[in-house]
PDB file of N, CA and C in Angstrom:
ATOM      1  N   MET A   1      -9.984 -24.101  19.274  1.00  0.00           N
ATOM      2  CA  MET A   1      -9.281 -22.847  19.341  1.00  0.00           C
ATOM      3  C   MET A   1      -9.567 -22.976  17.713  1.00  0.00           C
ATOM      4  N   ALA A   2      -9.236 -24.518  17.601  1.00  0.00           N
ATOM      5  CA  ALA A   2      -8.642 -24.468  15.631  1.00  0.00           C
ATOM      6  C   ALA A   2      -9.563 -24.714  14.997  1.00  0.00           C
ATOM      7  N   ARG A   3     -10.870 -24.429  15.840  1.00  0.00           N
ATOM      8  CA  ARG A   3     -11.927 -24.964  14.686  1.00  0.00           C
ATOM      9  C   ARG A   3     -12.126 -23.179  14.538  1.00  0.00           C
ATOM     10  N   ASN A   4     -11.870 -22.689  14.801  1.00  0.00           N
ATOM     11  CA  ASN A   4     -12.226 -21.033  14.784  1.00  0.00           C
ATOM     12  C   ASN A   4     -11.387 -19.878  13.943  1.00  0.00           C
ATOM     13  N   THR A   5     -10.597 -20.982  14.254  1.00  0.00           N
ATOM     14  CA  THR A   5      -8.940 -20.744  13.141  1.00  0.00           C
ATOM     15  C   THR A   5      -9.130 -21.115  12.277  1.00  0.00           C
ATOM     16  N   ALA A   6      -9.272 -21.770  11.669  1.00  0.00           N
ATOM     17  CA  ALA A   6      -9.925 -23.284   9.989  1.00  0.00           C
ATOM     18  C   ALA A   6     -11.192 -21.714   9.762  1.00  0.00           C
ATOM     19  N   PHE A   7     -12.247 -21.628  10.423  1.00  0.00           N
ATOM     20  CA  PHE A   7     -13.011 -21.082   9.329  1.00  0.00           C
ATOM     21  C   PHE A   7     -12.307 -19.640   9.218  1.00  0.00           C
ATOM     22  N   VAL A   8     -11.604 -18.877   9.847  1.00  0.00           N
ATOM     23  CA  VAL A   8     -11.775 -17.933   9.640  1.00  0.00           C
ATOM     24  C   VAL A   8     -10.314 -17.838   8.036  1.00  0.00           C
ATOM     25  N   GLU A   9      -9.558 -18.467   8.750  1.00  0.00           N
ATOM     26  CA  GLU A   9      -8.886 -19.258   7.449  1.00  0.00           C
ATOM     27  C   GLU A   9      -9.150 -18.903   5.842  1.00  0.00           C
ATOM     28  N   LEU A  10     -10.595 -20.350   5.910  1.00  0.00           N
ATOM     29  CA  LEU A  10     -11.257 -20.534   4.337  1.00  0.00           C
ATOM     30  C   LEU A  10     -11.676 -19.546   3.820  1.00  0.00           C
ATOM     31  N   ALA A  11     -12.107 -18.011   5.043  1.00  0.00           N
ATOM     32  CA  ALA A  11     -12.866 -16.750   4.734  1.00  0.00           C
ATOM     33  C   ALA A  11     -12.110 -15.898   4.477  1.00  0.00           C
ATOM     34  N   SER A  12     -10.790 -16.456   4.864  1.00  0.00           N
ATOM     35  CA  SER A  12      -9.987 -15.576   3.529  1.00  0.00           C
ATOM     36  C   SER A  12      -9.757 -15.911   2.461  1.00  0.00           C
ATOM     37  N   GLU A  13      -9.952 -16.822   1.642  1.00  0.00           N
ATOM     38  CA  GLU A  13      -9.749 -17.426   0.987  1.00  0.00           C
ATOM     39  C   GLU A  13     -10.414 -17.687  -0.668  1.00  0.00           C
ATOM     40  N   LEU A  14     -12.294 -17.301   0.581  1.00  0.00           N
ATOM     41  CA  LEU A  14     -13.474 -18.002  -0.787  1.00  0.00           C
ATOM     42  C   LEU A  14     -14.589 -16.865   0.208  1.00  0.00           C
ATOM     43  N   PRO A  15     -14.831 -15.710  -1.065  1.00  0.00           N
ATOM     44  CA  PRO A  15     -16.584 -15.382  -0.650  1.00  0.00           C
ATOM     45  C   PRO A  15     -17.224 -15.999   0.550  1.00  0.00           C
ATOM     46  N   ALA A  16     -17.779 -14.546   1.358  1.00  0.00           N
ATOM     47  CA  ALA A  16     -18.467 -15.136   1.759  1.00  0.00           C
ATOM     48  C   ALA A  16     -19.339 -15.186   1.972  1.00  0.00           C
ATOM     49  N   VAL A  17     -19.249 -15.026   0.213  1.00  0.00           N
ATOM     50  CA  VAL A  17     -21.649 -16.142   0.178  1.00  0.00           C
ATOM     51  C   VAL A  17     -20.856 -17.950   0.241  1.00  0.00           C
ATOM     52  N   MET A  18     -19.904 -17.448   0.088  1.00  0.00           N
ATOM     53  CA  MET A  18     -19.553 -19.229  -1.188  1.00  0.00           C
ATOM     54  C   MET A  18     -19.071 -19.881   0.934  1.00  0.00           C
ATOM     55  N   VAL A  19     -18.901 -19.313   1.055  1.00  0.00           N
ATOM     56  CA  VAL A  19     -18.488 -19.704   3.337  1.00  0.00           C
ATOM     57  C   VAL A  19     -19.481 -19.691   3.447  1.00  0.00           C
ATOM     58  N   SER A  20     -20.602 -18.968   3.153  1.00  0.00           N
ATOM     59  CA  SER A  20     -21.822 -19.153   4.526  1.00  0.00           C
ATOM     60  C   SER A  20     -22.886 -20.558   3.836  1.00  0.00           C
ATOM     61  N   ARG A  21     -22.956 -20.430   2.894  1.00  0.00           N
ATOM     62  CA  ARG A  21     -23.408 -21.615   1.878  1.00  0.00           C
ATOM     63  C   ARG A  21     -22.368 -22.964   1.862  1.00  0.00           C
ATOM     64  N   LEU A  22     -21.452 -22.987   1.913  1.00  0.00           N
ATOM     65  CA  LEU A  22     -20.712 -24.359   2.265  1.00  0.00           C
ATOM     66  C   LEU A  22     -20.444 -24.580   3.264  1.00  0.00           C
ATOM     67  N   LEU A  23     -21.097 -24.124   4.585  1.00  0.00           N
ATOM     68  CA  LEU A  23     -20.842 -24.862   5.687  1.00  0.00           C
ATOM     69  C   LEU A  23     -22.415 -24.590   6.411  1.00  0.00           C
ATOM     70  N   GLY A  24     -23.237 -23.167   6.186  1.00  0.00           N
ATOM     71  CA  GLY A  24     -24.668 -23.233   6.571  1.00  0.00           C
ATOM     72  C   GLY A  24     -24.934 -22.289   7.340  1.00  0.00           C
ATOM     73  N   VAL A  25     -23.564 -21.410   7.441  1.00  0.00           N
ATOM     74  CA  VAL A  25     -23.557 -20.060   8.571  1.00  0.00           C
ATOM     75  C   VAL A  25     -23.867 -19.181   7.743  1.00  0.00           C
ATOM     76  N   HIS A  26     -25.133 -17.606   8.578  1.00  0.00           N
ATOM     77  CA  HIS A  26     -25.066 -16.928   8.122  1.00  0.00           C
ATOM     78  C   HIS A  26     -24.728 -15.636   6.842  1.00  0.00           C
ATOM     79  N   GLN A  27     -24.971 -15.620   6.230  1.00  0.00           N
ATOM     80  CA  GLN A  27     -24.145 -14.209   5.495  1.00  0.00           C
ATOM     81  C   GLN A  27     -23.294 -13.826   6.431  1.00  0.00           C
ATOM     82  N   ASN A  28     -23.424 -12.757   7.925  1.00  0.00           N
ATOM     83  CA  ASN A  28     -23.140 -11.813   8.546  1.00  0.00           C
ATOM     84  C   ASN A  28     -22.441 -12.445   9.505  1.00  0.00           C
ATOM     85  N   THR A  29     -22.242 -13.959   9.501  1.00  0.00           N
ATOM     86  CA  THR A  29     -21.161 -14.766   9.840  1.00  0.00           C
ATOM     87  C   THR A  29     -19.554 -14.598   9.422  1.00  0.00           C
ATOM     88  N   ALA A  30     -20.407 -14.918   8.194  1.00  0.00           N
ATOM     89  CA  ALA A  30     -19.350 -15.587   6.865  1.00  0.00           C
ATOM     90  C   ALA A  30     -18.371 -13.827   6.825  1.00  0.00           C
ATOM     91  N   ASP A  31     -18.615 -13.038   6.984  1.00  0.00           N
ATOM     92  CA  ASP A  31     -18.474 -11.190   6.287  1.00  0.00           C
ATOM     93  C   ASP A  31     -17.045 -11.242   8.022  1.00  0.00           C
ATOM     94  N   ALA A  32     -17.558 -11.529   9.121  1.00  0.00           N
ATOM     95  CA  ALA A  32     -17.322 -11.251  10.000  1.00  0.00           C
ATOM     96  C   ALA A  32     -16.361 -11.753  10.838  1.00  0.00           C
ATOM     97  N   TRP A  33     -16.071 -13.764  10.284  1.00  0.00           N
ATOM     98  CA  TRP A  33     -14.416 -14.206   9.838  1.00  0.00           C
ATOM     99  C   TRP A  33     -13.927 -14.121   8.910  1.00  0.00           C
ATOM    100  N   LYS A  34     -14.099 -12.696   8.185  1.00  0.00           N
ATOM    101  CA  LYS A  34     -13.320 -12.192   6.347  1.00  0.00           C
ATOM    102  C   LYS A  34     -12.899 -11.177   7.396  1.00  0.00           C
ATOM    103  N   CYS A  35     -13.775 -10.639   7.609  1.00  0.00           N
ATOM    104  CA  CYS A  35     -13.174  -9.533   8.157  1.00  0.00           C
ATOM    105  C   CYS A  35     -11.969  -9.529   9.527  1.00  0.00           C
ATOM    106  N   VAL A  36     -11.939 -10.378  10.561  1.00  0.00           N
ATOM    107  CA  VAL A  36     -10.981 -10.501  11.280  1.00  0.00           C
ATOM    108  C   VAL A  36      -9.867 -11.679  11.293  1.00  0.00           C
ATOM    109  N   GLY A  37     -10.502 -11.888   9.199  1.00  0.00           N
ATOM    110  CA  GLY A  37      -8.710 -12.186   8.486  1.00  0.00           C
ATOM    111  C   GLY A  37      -7.985 -11.309   7.532  1.00  0.00           C
ATOM    112  N   GLY A  38      -8.459 -10.168   8.415  1.00  0.00           N
ATOM    113  CA  GLY A  38      -8.099  -8.779   7.133  1.00  0.00           C
ATOM    114  C   GLY A  38      -8.415  -8.939   5.879  1.00  0.00           C
ATOM    115  N   GLN A  39      -9.636  -9.701   5.511  1.00  0.00           N
ATOM    116  CA  GLN A  39     -10.295  -9.841   4.574  1.00  0.00           C
ATOM    117  C   GLN A  39     -10.982  -9.488   4.086  1.00  0.00           C
ATOM    118  N   ASP A  40     -11.619  -8.004   4.916  1.00  0.00           N
ATOM    119  CA  ASP A  40     -11.803  -6.640   4.755  1.00  0.00           C
ATOM    120  C   ASP A  40     -12.639  -5.819   2.848  1.00  0.00           C
ATOM    121  N   ASN A  41     -13.192  -6.563   2.302  1.00  0.00           N
ATOM    122  CA  ASN A  41     -14.219  -6.189   1.179  1.00  0.00           C
ATOM    123  C   ASN A  41     -14.668  -5.454   1.141  1.00  0.00           C
ATOM    124  N   ALA A  42     -15.596  -4.602   1.963  1.00  0.00           N
ATOM    125  CA  ALA A  42     -16.197  -3.169   1.872  1.00  0.00           C
ATOM    126  C   ALA A  42     -15.318  -2.476   0.762  1.00  0.00           C
ATOM    127  N   TYR A  43     -15.205  -1.804   0.527  1.00  0.00           N
ATOM    128  CA  TYR A  43     -14.695  -0.970  -0.593  1.00  0.00           C
ATOM    129  C   TYR A  43     -14.585  -1.488  -2.750  1.00  0.00           C
ATOM    130  N   ALA A  44     -14.655  -1.960  -1.366  1.00  0.00           N
ATOM    131  CA  ALA A  44     -14.503  -2.797  -2.954  1.00  0.00           C
ATOM    132  C   ALA A  44     -15.790  -3.092  -3.641  1.00  0.00           C
ATOM    133  N   ALA A  45     -16.881  -3.361  -2.331  1.00  0.00           N
ATOM    134  CA  ALA A  45     -18.323  -3.419  -2.947  1.00  0.00           C
ATOM    135  C   ALA A  45     -18.454  -2.516  -2.913  1.00  0.00           C
ATOM    136  N   GLU A  46     -18.457  -0.999  -2.236  1.00  0.00           N
ATOM    137  CA  GLU A  46     -18.817   0.015  -2.512  1.00  0.00           C
ATOM    138  C   GLU A  46     -18.455  -0.060  -3.800  1.00  0.00           C
ATOM    139  N   VAL A  47     -17.496   0.510  -4.714  1.00  0.00           N
ATOM    140  CA  VAL A  47     -16.787   0.939  -5.779  1.00  0.00           C
ATOM    141  C   VAL A  47     -17.748   0.106  -6.621  1.00  0.00           C
ATOM    142  N   ALA A  48     -17.536  -1.499  -6.684  1.00  0.00           N
ATOM    143  CA  ALA A  48     -18.570  -1.825  -6.990  1.00  0.00           C
ATOM    144  C   ALA A  48     -19.825  -1.209  -7.967  1.00  0.00           C
ATOM    145  N   SER A  49     -20.710  -0.756  -6.793  1.00  0.00           N
ATOM    146  CA  SER A  49     -22.173  -0.482  -6.508  1.00  0.00           C
ATOM    147  C   SER A  49     -22.183   0.938  -7.530  1.00  0.00           C
ATOM    148  N   ARG A  50     -21.251   1.410  -7.232  1.00  0.00           N
ATOM    149  CA  ARG A  50     -21.655   2.842  -8.492  1.00  0.00           C
ATOM    150  C   ARG A  50     -21.130   2.183  -9.340  1.00  0.00           C
ATOM    151  N   LEU A  51     -20.667   1.421  -9.992  1.00  0.00           N
ATOM    152  CA  LEU A  51     -21.330   1.511 -10.551  1.00  0.00           C
ATOM    153  C   LEU A  51     -22.388   0.856 -11.951  1.00  0.00           C
TER     154      LEU A  51
END
């Protein structure tokens, strides 16, 4: 349980792509941890893709 909490905490502080590369997990896993941590950046990504 502590390990998962640490992963979620890390994902809330770093971009998901960095977490996936640092830990060797799939990008979707890092994105899921970010969502669990309350740091879903889907809106920001959508706005950035419009530019």
